[in-house]
Amino acid sequence: MKRIAALCFAVAVSGCDRLSPQWKGWVYPNKHNLGAHVALGAFDTLEECRRSATTVLANFNIVNPDGEMVEGDYECGYKCKADKKMGGINVCEKTER
């Protein structure tokens, strides 16, 4: 009986993991300053994260003192968790662009 309960619990937990959004996105208005970022939120798929990030990036119009456009960047992370030991910084199983 205990084995059946443990198996049911494992299946339920793994199923919940698949139902929640697995990707998080961040946009960096200036790709040379990764400290300044905009959190995009959570997404079900990498494609949704990429689409949101490119849309947000297209709306930034940052010009440097020389009059040149500043190029931004983004990243999408899979299964990210805030690491308290690292000051709350997100650590992801993998990141994609």
PDB file of N, CA and C in Angstrom:
ATOM      1  N   MET A   1       0.823  -1.197   0.000  1.00  0.00           N
ATOM      2  CA  MET A   1       0.000   0.000   0.000  1.00  0.00           C
ATOM      3  C   MET A   1       0.865   1.258   0.000  1.00  0.00           C
ATOM      4  N   LYS A   2       1.962   1.223   0.770  1.00  0.00           N
ATOM      5  CA  LYS A   2       2.840   2.389   0.821  1.00  0.00           C
ATOM      6  C   LYS A   2       3.490   2.654  -0.534  1.00  0.00           C
ATOM      7  N   ARG A   3       3.812   1.566  -1.255  1.00  0.00           N
ATOM      8  CA  ARG A   3       4.427   1.732  -2.581  1.00  0.00           C
ATOM      9  C   ARG A   3       3.451   2.389  -3.551  1.00  0.00           C
ATOM     10  N   ILE A   4       2.197   1.996  -3.486  1.00  0.00           N
ATOM     11  CA  ILE A   4       1.185   2.577  -4.374  1.00  0.00           C
ATOM     12  C   ILE A   4       1.001   4.059  -4.053  1.00  0.00           C
ATOM     13  N   ALA A   5       0.959   4.390  -2.771  1.00  0.00           N
ATOM     14  CA  ALA A   5       0.819   5.799  -2.375  1.00  0.00           C
ATOM     15  C   ALA A   5       2.025   6.614  -2.830  1.00  0.00           C
ATOM     16  N   ALA A   6       3.221   6.054  -2.697  1.00  0.00           N
ATOM     17  CA  ALA A   6       4.440   6.752  -3.123  1.00  0.00           C
ATOM     18  C   ALA A   6       4.444   6.947  -4.633  1.00  0.00           C
ATOM     19  N   LEU A   7       4.013   5.933  -5.373  1.00  0.00           N
ATOM     20  CA  LEU A   7       3.949   6.035  -6.830  1.00  0.00           C
ATOM     21  C   LEU A   7       2.936   7.093  -7.254  1.00  0.00           C
ATOM     22  N   CYS A   8       1.773   7.103  -6.627  1.00  0.00           N
ATOM     23  CA  CYS A   8       0.753   8.115  -6.935  1.00  0.00           C
ATOM     24  C   CYS A   8       1.275   9.524  -6.643  1.00  0.00           C
ATOM     25  N   PHE A   9       1.973   9.669  -5.543  1.00  0.00           N
ATOM     26  CA  PHE A   9       2.527  10.972  -5.187  1.00  0.00           C
ATOM     27  C   PHE A   9       3.547  11.422  -6.229  1.00  0.00           C
ATOM     28  N   ALA A  10       4.441  10.522  -6.639  1.00  0.00           N
ATOM     29  CA  ALA A  10       5.467  10.854  -7.634  1.00  0.00           C
ATOM     30  C   ALA A  10       4.841  11.263  -8.964  1.00  0.00           C
ATOM     31  N   VAL A  11       3.824  10.543  -9.377  1.00  0.00           N
ATOM     32  CA  VAL A  11       3.135  10.872 -10.638  1.00  0.00           C
ATOM     33  C   VAL A  11       2.446  12.223 -10.521  1.00  0.00           C
ATOM     34  N   ALA A  12       1.803  12.477  -9.401  1.00  0.00           N
ATOM     35  CA  ALA A  12       1.100  13.756  -9.199  1.00  0.00           C
ATOM     36  C   ALA A  12       2.076  14.918  -9.211  1.00  0.00           C
ATOM     37  N   VAL A  13       3.199  14.773  -8.537  1.00  0.00           N
ATOM     38  CA  VAL A  13       4.189  15.854  -8.477  1.00  0.00           C
ATOM     39  C   VAL A  13       4.786  16.102  -9.850  1.00  0.00           C
ATOM     40  N   SER A  14       5.148  15.055 -10.569  1.00  0.00           N
ATOM     41  CA  SER A  14       5.748  15.257 -11.895  1.00  0.00           C
ATOM     42  C   SER A  14       4.727  15.838 -12.859  1.00  0.00           C
ATOM     43  N   GLY A  15       3.471  15.475 -12.723  1.00  0.00           N
ATOM     44  CA  GLY A  15       2.425  16.036 -13.571  1.00  0.00           C
ATOM     45  C   GLY A  15       2.223  17.511 -13.323  1.00  0.00           C
ATOM     46  N   CYS A  16       2.277  17.942 -12.074  1.00  0.00           N
ATOM     47  CA  CYS A  16       2.130  19.360 -11.735  1.00  0.00           C
ATOM     48  C   CYS A  16       3.266  20.169 -12.327  1.00  0.00           C
ATOM     49  N   ASP A  17       4.450  19.587 -12.337  1.00  0.00           N
ATOM     50  CA  ASP A  17       5.615  20.272 -12.876  1.00  0.00           C
ATOM     51  C   ASP A  17       5.414  20.585 -14.358  1.00  0.00           C
ATOM     52  N   ARG A  18       4.789  19.687 -15.081  1.00  0.00           N
ATOM     53  CA  ARG A  18       4.579  19.898 -16.510  1.00  0.00           C
ATOM     54  C   ARG A  18       3.461  20.902 -16.783  1.00  0.00           C
ATOM     55  N   LEU A  19       2.565  21.100 -15.827  1.00  0.00           N
ATOM     56  CA  LEU A  19       1.451  22.017 -16.030  1.00  0.00           C
ATOM     57  C   LEU A  19       1.819  23.472 -15.776  1.00  0.00           C
ATOM     58  N   SER A  20       2.838  23.715 -14.984  1.00  0.00           N
ATOM     59  CA  SER A  20       3.214  25.088 -14.670  1.00  0.00           C
ATOM     60  C   SER A  20       4.193  25.607 -15.725  1.00  0.00           C
ATOM     61  N   PRO A  21       4.216  26.930 -15.967  1.00  0.00           N
ATOM     62  CA  PRO A  21       5.157  27.492 -16.937  1.00  0.00           C
ATOM     63  C   PRO A  21       6.594  27.147 -16.561  1.00  0.00           C
ATOM     64  N   GLN A  22       7.371  26.739 -17.542  1.00  0.00           N
ATOM     65  CA  GLN A  22       8.737  26.292 -17.295  1.00  0.00           C
ATOM     66  C   GLN A  22       9.808  27.290 -17.742  1.00  0.00           C
ATOM     67  N   TRP A  23       9.432  28.298 -18.513  1.00  0.00           N
ATOM     68  CA  TRP A  23      10.399  29.253 -19.057  1.00  0.00           C
ATOM     69  C   TRP A  23      10.181  30.628 -18.444  1.00  0.00           C
ATOM     70  N   LYS A  24      11.273  31.330 -18.182  1.00  0.00           N
ATOM     71  CA  LYS A  24      11.222  32.724 -17.736  1.00  0.00           C
ATOM     72  C   LYS A  24      12.092  33.532 -18.683  1.00  0.00           C
ATOM     73  N   GLY A  25      11.706  34.796 -18.878  1.00  0.00           N
ATOM     74  CA  GLY A  25      12.444  35.626 -19.817  1.00  0.00           C
ATOM     75  C   GLY A  25      12.902  36.936 -19.215  1.00  0.00           C
ATOM     76  N   TRP A  26      14.028  37.441 -19.726  1.00  0.00           N
ATOM     77  CA  TRP A  26      14.575  38.732 -19.334  1.00  0.00           C
ATOM     78  C   TRP A  26      15.073  39.452 -20.575  1.00  0.00           C
ATOM     79  N   VAL A  27      14.839  40.757 -20.600  1.00  0.00           N
ATOM     80  CA  VAL A  27      15.337  41.605 -21.685  1.00  0.00           C
ATOM     81  C   VAL A  27      16.354  42.565 -21.094  1.00  0.00           C
ATOM     82  N   TYR A  28      17.449  42.735 -21.799  1.00  0.00           N
ATOM     83  CA  TYR A  28      18.503  43.675 -21.414  1.00  0.00           C
ATOM     84  C   TYR A  28      18.522  44.799 -22.447  1.00  0.00           C
ATOM     85  N   PRO A  29      18.032  45.999 -22.097  1.00  0.00           N
ATOM     86  CA  PRO A  29      17.984  47.099 -23.068  1.00  0.00           C
ATOM     87  C   PRO A  29      19.361  47.428 -23.661  1.00  0.00           C
ATOM     88  N   ASN A  30      20.403  47.248 -22.867  1.00  0.00           N
ATOM     89  CA  ASN A  30      21.772  47.465 -23.334  1.00  0.00           C
ATOM     90  C   ASN A  30      22.536  46.170 -23.115  1.00  0.00           C
ATOM     91  N   LYS A  31      22.911  45.503 -24.206  1.00  0.00           N
ATOM     92  CA  LYS A  31      23.549  44.194 -24.070  1.00  0.00           C
ATOM     93  C   LYS A  31      24.897  44.256 -23.358  1.00  0.00           C
ATOM     94  N   HIS A  32      25.440  45.461 -23.171  1.00  0.00           N
ATOM     95  CA  HIS A  32      26.716  45.611 -22.459  1.00  0.00           C
ATOM     96  C   HIS A  32      26.510  45.883 -20.973  1.00  0.00           C
ATOM     97  N   ASN A  33      25.256  45.995 -20.529  1.00  0.00           N
ATOM     98  CA  ASN A  33      24.950  46.237 -19.119  1.00  0.00           C
ATOM     99  C   ASN A  33      23.880  45.232 -18.689  1.00  0.00           C
ATOM    100  N   LEU A  34      24.305  44.039 -18.305  1.00  0.00           N
ATOM    101  CA  LEU A  34      23.356  42.990 -17.949  1.00  0.00           C
ATOM    102  C   LEU A  34      22.751  43.198 -16.565  1.00  0.00           C
ATOM    103  N   GLY A  35      23.226  44.202 -15.833  1.00  0.00           N
ATOM    104  CA  GLY A  35      22.645  44.522 -14.538  1.00  0.00           C
ATOM    105  C   GLY A  35      21.299  45.210 -14.669  1.00  0.00           C
ATOM    106  N   ALA A  36      21.079  45.877 -15.780  1.00  0.00           N
ATOM    107  CA  ALA A  36      19.805  46.553 -16.033  1.00  0.00           C
ATOM    108  C   ALA A  36      18.969  45.634 -16.926  1.00  0.00           C
ATOM    109  N   HIS A  37      17.872  45.130 -16.378  1.00  0.00           N
ATOM    110  CA  HIS A  37      17.053  44.200 -17.143  1.00  0.00           C
ATOM    111  C   HIS A  37      15.571  44.397 -16.836  1.00  0.00           C
ATOM    112  N   VAL A  38      14.765  43.838 -17.713  1.00  0.00           N
ATOM    113  CA  VAL A  38      13.314  43.838 -17.548  1.00  0.00           C
ATOM    114  C   VAL A  38      12.887  42.376 -17.498  1.00  0.00           C
ATOM    115  N   ALA A  39      12.255  41.977 -16.401  1.00  0.00           N
ATOM    116  CA  ALA A  39      11.743  40.610 -16.292  1.00  0.00           C
ATOM    117  C   ALA A  39      10.461  40.488 -17.105  1.00  0.00           C
ATOM    118  N   LEU A  40      10.390  39.478 -17.948  1.00  0.00           N
ATOM    119  CA  LEU A  40       9.224  39.292 -18.813  1.00  0.00           C
ATOM    120  C   LEU A  40       8.149  38.435 -18.184  1.00  0.00           C
ATOM    121  N   GLY A  41       8.506  37.603 -17.244  1.00  0.00           N
ATOM    122  CA  GLY A  41       7.540  36.706 -16.628  1.00  0.00           C
ATOM    123  C   GLY A  41       7.771  35.267 -17.038  1.00  0.00           C
ATOM    124  N   ALA A  42       6.733  34.449 -16.885  1.00  0.00           N
ATOM    125  CA  ALA A  42       6.829  33.013 -17.142  1.00  0.00           C
ATOM    126  C   ALA A  42       6.069  32.635 -18.409  1.00  0.00           C
ATOM    127  N   PHE A  43       6.580  31.607 -19.083  1.00  0.00           N
ATOM    128  CA  PHE A  43       6.014  31.147 -20.349  1.00  0.00           C
ATOM    129  C   PHE A  43       5.968  29.629 -20.380  1.00  0.00           C
ATOM    130  N   ASP A  44       5.018  29.110 -21.122  1.00  0.00           N
ATOM    131  CA  ASP A  44       4.896  27.660 -21.272  1.00  0.00           C
ATOM    132  C   ASP A  44       5.940  27.083 -22.218  1.00  0.00           C
ATOM    133  N   THR A  45       6.358  27.882 -23.215  1.00  0.00           N
ATOM    134  CA  THR A  45       7.305  27.370 -24.212  1.00  0.00           C
ATOM    135  C   THR A  45       8.424  28.383 -24.459  1.00  0.00           C
ATOM    136  N   LEU A  46       9.522  27.879 -24.994  1.00  0.00           N
ATOM    137  CA  LEU A  46      10.641  28.735 -25.378  1.00  0.00           C
ATOM    138  C   LEU A  46      10.203  29.705 -26.473  1.00  0.00           C
ATOM    139  N   GLU A  47       9.399  29.248 -27.395  1.00  0.00           N
ATOM    140  CA  GLU A  47       8.948  30.102 -28.498  1.00  0.00           C
ATOM    141  C   GLU A  47       8.150  31.297 -27.989  1.00  0.00           C
ATOM    142  N   GLU A  48       7.291  31.070 -26.982  1.00  0.00           N
ATOM    143  CA  GLU A  48       6.523  32.183 -26.403  1.00  0.00           C
ATOM    144  C   GLU A  48       7.460  33.187 -25.747  1.00  0.00           C
ATOM    145  N   CYS A  49       8.458  32.706 -25.052  1.00  0.00           N
ATOM    146  CA  CYS A  49       9.427  33.590 -24.405  1.00  0.00           C
ATOM    147  C   CYS A  49      10.179  34.416 -25.445  1.00  0.00           C
ATOM    148  N   ARG A  50      10.659  33.770 -26.495  1.00  0.00           N
ATOM    149  CA  ARG A  50      11.390  34.477 -27.557  1.00  0.00           C
ATOM    150  C   ARG A  50      10.515  35.546 -28.217  1.00  0.00           C
ATOM    151  N   ARG A  51       9.284  35.194 -28.499  1.00  0.00           N
ATOM    152  CA  ARG A  51       8.372  36.136 -29.161  1.00  0.00           C
ATOM    153  C   ARG A  51       8.143  37.366 -28.283  1.00  0.00           C
ATOM    154  N   SER A  52       7.928  37.156 -27.002  1.00  0.00           N
ATOM    155  CA  SER A  52       7.730  38.267 -26.081  1.00  0.00           C
ATOM    156  C   SER A  52       8.988  39.130 -25.988  1.00  0.00           C
ATOM    157  N   ALA A  53      10.134  38.481 -25.883  1.00  0.00           N
ATOM    158  CA  ALA A  53      11.397  39.215 -25.744  1.00  0.00           C
ATOM    159  C   ALA A  53      11.692  40.071 -26.975  1.00  0.00           C
ATOM    160  N   THR A  54      11.507  39.523 -28.153  1.00  0.00           N
ATOM    161  CA  THR A  54      11.794  40.301 -29.363  1.00  0.00           C
ATOM    162  C   THR A  54      10.808  41.456 -29.528  1.00  0.00           C
ATOM    163  N   THR A  55       9.566  41.269 -29.100  1.00  0.00           N
ATOM    164  CA  THR A  55       8.582  42.353 -29.146  1.00  0.00           C
ATOM    165  C   THR A  55       8.992  43.483 -28.210  1.00  0.00           C
ATOM    166  N   VAL A  56       9.383  43.142 -26.997  1.00  0.00           N
ATOM    167  CA  VAL A  56       9.802  44.161 -26.031  1.00  0.00           C
ATOM    168  C   VAL A  56      11.062  44.860 -26.520  1.00  0.00           C
ATOM    169  N   LEU A  57      12.029  44.114 -27.032  1.00  0.00           N
ATOM    170  CA  LEU A  57      13.265  44.720 -27.537  1.00  0.00           C
ATOM    171  C   LEU A  57      12.996  45.712 -28.665  1.00  0.00           C
ATOM    172  N   ALA A  58      12.043  45.404 -29.508  1.00  0.00           N
ATOM    173  CA  ALA A  58      11.729  46.281 -30.636  1.00  0.00           C
ATOM    174  C   ALA A  58      11.194  47.630 -30.171  1.00  0.00           C
ATOM    175  N   ASN A  59      10.689  47.705 -28.941  1.00  0.00           N
ATOM    176  CA  ASN A  59      10.132  48.950 -28.426  1.00  0.00           C
ATOM    177  C   ASN A  59      11.145  49.836 -27.712  1.00  0.00           C
ATOM    178  N   PHE A  60      12.360  49.328 -27.485  1.00  0.00           N
ATOM    179  CA  PHE A  60      13.390  50.147 -26.851  1.00  0.00           C
ATOM    180  C   PHE A  60      14.070  51.017 -27.901  1.00  0.00           C
ATOM    181  N   ASN A  61      14.198  52.286 -27.596  1.00  0.00           N
ATOM    182  CA  ASN A  61      14.909  53.221 -28.474  1.00  0.00           C
ATOM    183  C   ASN A  61      15.926  53.970 -27.632  1.00  0.00           C
ATOM    184  N   ILE A  62      17.015  53.297 -27.309  1.00  0.00           N
ATOM    185  CA  ILE A  62      18.041  53.901 -26.464  1.00  0.00           C
ATOM    186  C   ILE A  62      19.186  54.365 -27.360  1.00  0.00           C
ATOM    187  N   VAL A  63      19.570  55.621 -27.189  1.00  0.00           N
ATOM    188  CA  VAL A  63      20.643  56.212 -27.984  1.00  0.00           C
ATOM    189  C   VAL A  63      21.778  56.581 -27.040  1.00  0.00           C
ATOM    190  N   ASN A  64      23.018  56.217 -27.419  1.00  0.00           N
ATOM    191  CA  ASN A  64      24.163  56.567 -26.579  1.00  0.00           C
ATOM    192  C   ASN A  64      24.567  58.020 -26.827  1.00  0.00           C
ATOM    193  N   PRO A  65      25.507  58.563 -26.050  1.00  0.00           N
ATOM    194  CA  PRO A  65      25.901  59.967 -26.213  1.00  0.00           C
ATOM    195  C   PRO A  65      26.437  60.317 -27.607  1.00  0.00           C
ATOM    196  N   ASP A  66      26.911  59.304 -28.344  1.00  0.00           N
ATOM    197  CA  ASP A  66      27.412  59.548 -29.701  1.00  0.00           C
ATOM    198  C   ASP A  66      26.300  59.548 -30.748  1.00  0.00           C
ATOM    199  N   GLY A  67      25.057  59.348 -30.302  1.00  0.00           N
ATOM    200  CA  GLY A  67      23.934  59.341 -31.224  1.00  0.00           C
ATOM    201  C   GLY A  67      23.663  58.001 -31.875  1.00  0.00           C
ATOM    202  N   GLU A  68      24.350  56.949 -31.420  1.00  0.00           N
ATOM    203  CA  GLU A  68      24.155  55.620 -31.993  1.00  0.00           C
ATOM    204  C   GLU A  68      23.130  54.840 -31.169  1.00  0.00           C
ATOM    205  N   MET A  69      22.342  54.013 -31.847  1.00  0.00           N
ATOM    206  CA  MET A  69      21.378  53.160 -31.151  1.00  0.00           C
ATOM    207  C   MET A  69      22.120  52.126 -30.312  1.00  0.00           C
ATOM    208  N   VAL A  70      21.621  51.899 -29.111  1.00  0.00           N
ATOM    209  CA  VAL A  70      22.185  50.880 -28.225  1.00  0.00           C
ATOM    210  C   VAL A  70      21.473  49.564 -28.501  1.00  0.00           C
ATOM    211  N   GLU A  71      22.249  48.523 -28.728  1.00  0.00           N
ATOM    212  CA  GLU A  71      21.675  47.214 -29.033  1.00  0.00           C
ATOM    213  C   GLU A  71      21.377  46.460 -27.741  1.00  0.00           C
ATOM    214  N   GLY A  72      20.177  45.899 -27.661  1.00  0.00           N
ATOM    215  CA  GLY A  72      19.773  45.123 -26.503  1.00  0.00           C
ATOM    216  C   GLY A  72      19.923  43.635 -26.754  1.00  0.00           C
ATOM    217  N   ASP A  73      19.543  42.853 -25.757  1.00  0.00           N
ATOM    218  CA  ASP A  73      19.622  41.404 -25.860  1.00  0.00           C
ATOM    219  C   ASP A  73      18.564  40.791 -24.941  1.00  0.00           C
ATOM    220  N   TYR A  74      18.423  39.497 -24.980  1.00  0.00           N
ATOM    221  CA  TYR A  74      17.472  38.812 -24.106  1.00  0.00           C
ATOM    222  C   TYR A  74      17.965  37.405 -23.827  1.00  0.00           C
ATOM    223  N   GLU A  75      17.348  36.790 -22.831  1.00  0.00           N
ATOM    224  CA  GLU A  75      17.578  35.373 -22.586  1.00  0.00           C
ATOM    225  C   GLU A  75      16.315  34.759 -22.018  1.00  0.00           C
ATOM    226  N   CYS A  76      16.144  33.485 -22.311  1.00  0.00           N
ATOM    227  CA  CYS A  76      15.041  32.707 -21.786  1.00  0.00           C
ATOM    228  C   CYS A  76      15.648  31.553 -21.006  1.00  0.00           C
ATOM    229  N   GLY A  77      15.200  31.377 -19.779  1.00  0.00           N
ATOM    230  CA  GLY A  77      15.736  30.329 -18.925  1.00  0.00           C
ATOM    231  C   GLY A  77      14.715  29.251 -18.648  1.00  0.00           C
ATOM    232  N   TYR A  78      15.183  28.016 -18.611  1.00  0.00           N
ATOM    233  CA  TYR A  78      14.325  26.856 -18.370  1.00  0.00           C
ATOM    234  C   TYR A  78      14.477  26.380 -16.936  1.00  0.00           C
ATOM    235  N   LYS A  79      13.347  26.223 -16.244  1.00  0.00           N
ATOM    236  CA  LYS A  79      13.298  25.767 -14.856  1.00  0.00           C
ATOM    237  C   LYS A  79      14.238  26.595 -13.970  1.00  0.00           C
ATOM    238  N   CYS A  80      13.955  27.875 -13.878  1.00  0.00           N
ATOM    239  CA  CYS A  80      14.765  28.809 -13.094  1.00  0.00           C
ATOM    240  C   CYS A  80      14.256  28.886 -11.661  1.00  0.00           C
ATOM    241  N   LYS A  81      15.191  29.030 -10.751  1.00  0.00           N
ATOM    242  CA  LYS A  81      14.851  29.206  -9.343  1.00  0.00           C
ATOM    243  C   LYS A  81      15.791  30.257  -8.763  1.00  0.00           C
ATOM    244  N   ALA A  82      15.242  31.077  -7.873  1.00  0.00           N
ATOM    245  CA  ALA A  82      16.063  32.080  -7.193  1.00  0.00           C
ATOM    246  C   ALA A  82      16.965  31.374  -6.188  1.00  0.00           C
ATOM    247  N   ASP A  83      18.259  31.641  -6.266  1.00  0.00           N
ATOM    248  CA  ASP A  83      19.232  31.025  -5.371  1.00  0.00           C
ATOM    249  C   ASP A  83      19.546  31.996  -4.236  1.00  0.00           C
ATOM    250  N   LYS A  84      19.100  31.670  -3.027  1.00  0.00           N
ATOM    251  CA  LYS A  84      19.303  32.552  -1.877  1.00  0.00           C
ATOM    252  C   LYS A  84      20.775  32.739  -1.561  1.00  0.00           C
ATOM    253  N   LYS A  85      21.583  31.719  -1.804  1.00  0.00           N
ATOM    254  CA  LYS A  85      23.022  31.810  -1.532  1.00  0.00           C
ATOM    255  C   LYS A  85      23.710  32.806  -2.458  1.00  0.00           C
ATOM    256  N   MET A  86      23.097  33.063  -3.604  1.00  0.00           N
ATOM    257  CA  MET A  86      23.667  33.988  -4.586  1.00  0.00           C
ATOM    258  C   MET A  86      22.901  35.308  -4.604  1.00  0.00           C
ATOM    259  N   GLY A  87      22.277  35.652  -3.499  1.00  0.00           N
ATOM    260  CA  GLY A  87      21.572  36.924  -3.411  1.00  0.00           C
ATOM    261  C   GLY A  87      20.258  36.961  -4.157  1.00  0.00           C
ATOM    262  N   GLY A  88      19.641  35.821  -4.384  1.00  0.00           N
ATOM    263  CA  GLY A  88      18.352  35.783  -5.058  1.00  0.00           C
ATOM    264  C   GLY A  88      18.443  35.751  -6.571  1.00  0.00           C
ATOM    265  N   ILE A  89      19.655  35.656  -7.109  1.00  0.00           N
ATOM    266  CA  ILE A  89      19.821  35.611  -8.560  1.00  0.00           C
ATOM    267  C   ILE A  89      19.212  34.327  -9.103  1.00  0.00           C
ATOM    268  N   ASN A  90      18.609  34.392 -10.273  1.00  0.00           N
ATOM    269  CA  ASN A  90      17.986  33.221 -10.877  1.00  0.00           C
ATOM    270  C   ASN A  90      19.042  32.275 -11.440  1.00  0.00           C
ATOM    271  N   VAL A  91      18.896  31.022 -11.122  1.00  0.00           N
ATOM    272  CA  VAL A  91      19.755  29.972 -11.667  1.00  0.00           C
ATOM    273  C   VAL A  91      18.831  29.043 -12.439  1.00  0.00           C
ATOM    274  N   CYS A  92      19.175  28.811 -13.697  1.00  0.00           N
ATOM    275  CA  CYS A  92      18.320  28.019 -14.582  1.00  0.00           C
ATOM    276  C   CYS A  92      19.028  26.748 -15.006  1.00  0.00           C
ATOM    277  N   GLU A  93      18.227  25.713 -15.295  1.00  0.00           N
ATOM    278  CA  GLU A  93      18.818  24.470 -15.799  1.00  0.00           C
ATOM    279  C   GLU A  93      19.521  24.719 -17.123  1.00  0.00           C
ATOM    280  N   LYS A  94      18.928  25.582 -17.951  1.00  0.00           N
ATOM    281  CA  LYS A  94      19.577  25.980 -19.201  1.00  0.00           C
ATOM    282  C   LYS A  94      19.017  27.317 -19.635  1.00  0.00           C
ATOM    283  N   THR A  95      19.775  28.032 -20.429  1.00  0.00           N
ATOM    284  CA  THR A  95      19.309  29.303 -20.993  1.00  0.00           C
ATOM    285  C   THR A  95      19.446  29.256 -22.504  1.00  0.00           C
ATOM    286  N   GLU A  96      18.530  29.919 -23.153  1.00  0.00           N
ATOM    287  CA  GLU A  96      18.506  29.973 -24.618  1.00  0.00           C
ATOM    288  C   GLU A  96      18.290  31.407 -25.050  1.00  0.00           C
ATOM    289  N   ARG A  97      18.641  31.683 -26.254  1.00  0.00           N
ATOM    290  CA  ARG A  97      18.367  32.978 -26.861  1.00  0.00           C
ATOM    291  C   ARG A  97      17.391  32.774 -27.971  1.00  0.00           C
TER     292      ARG A  97
END
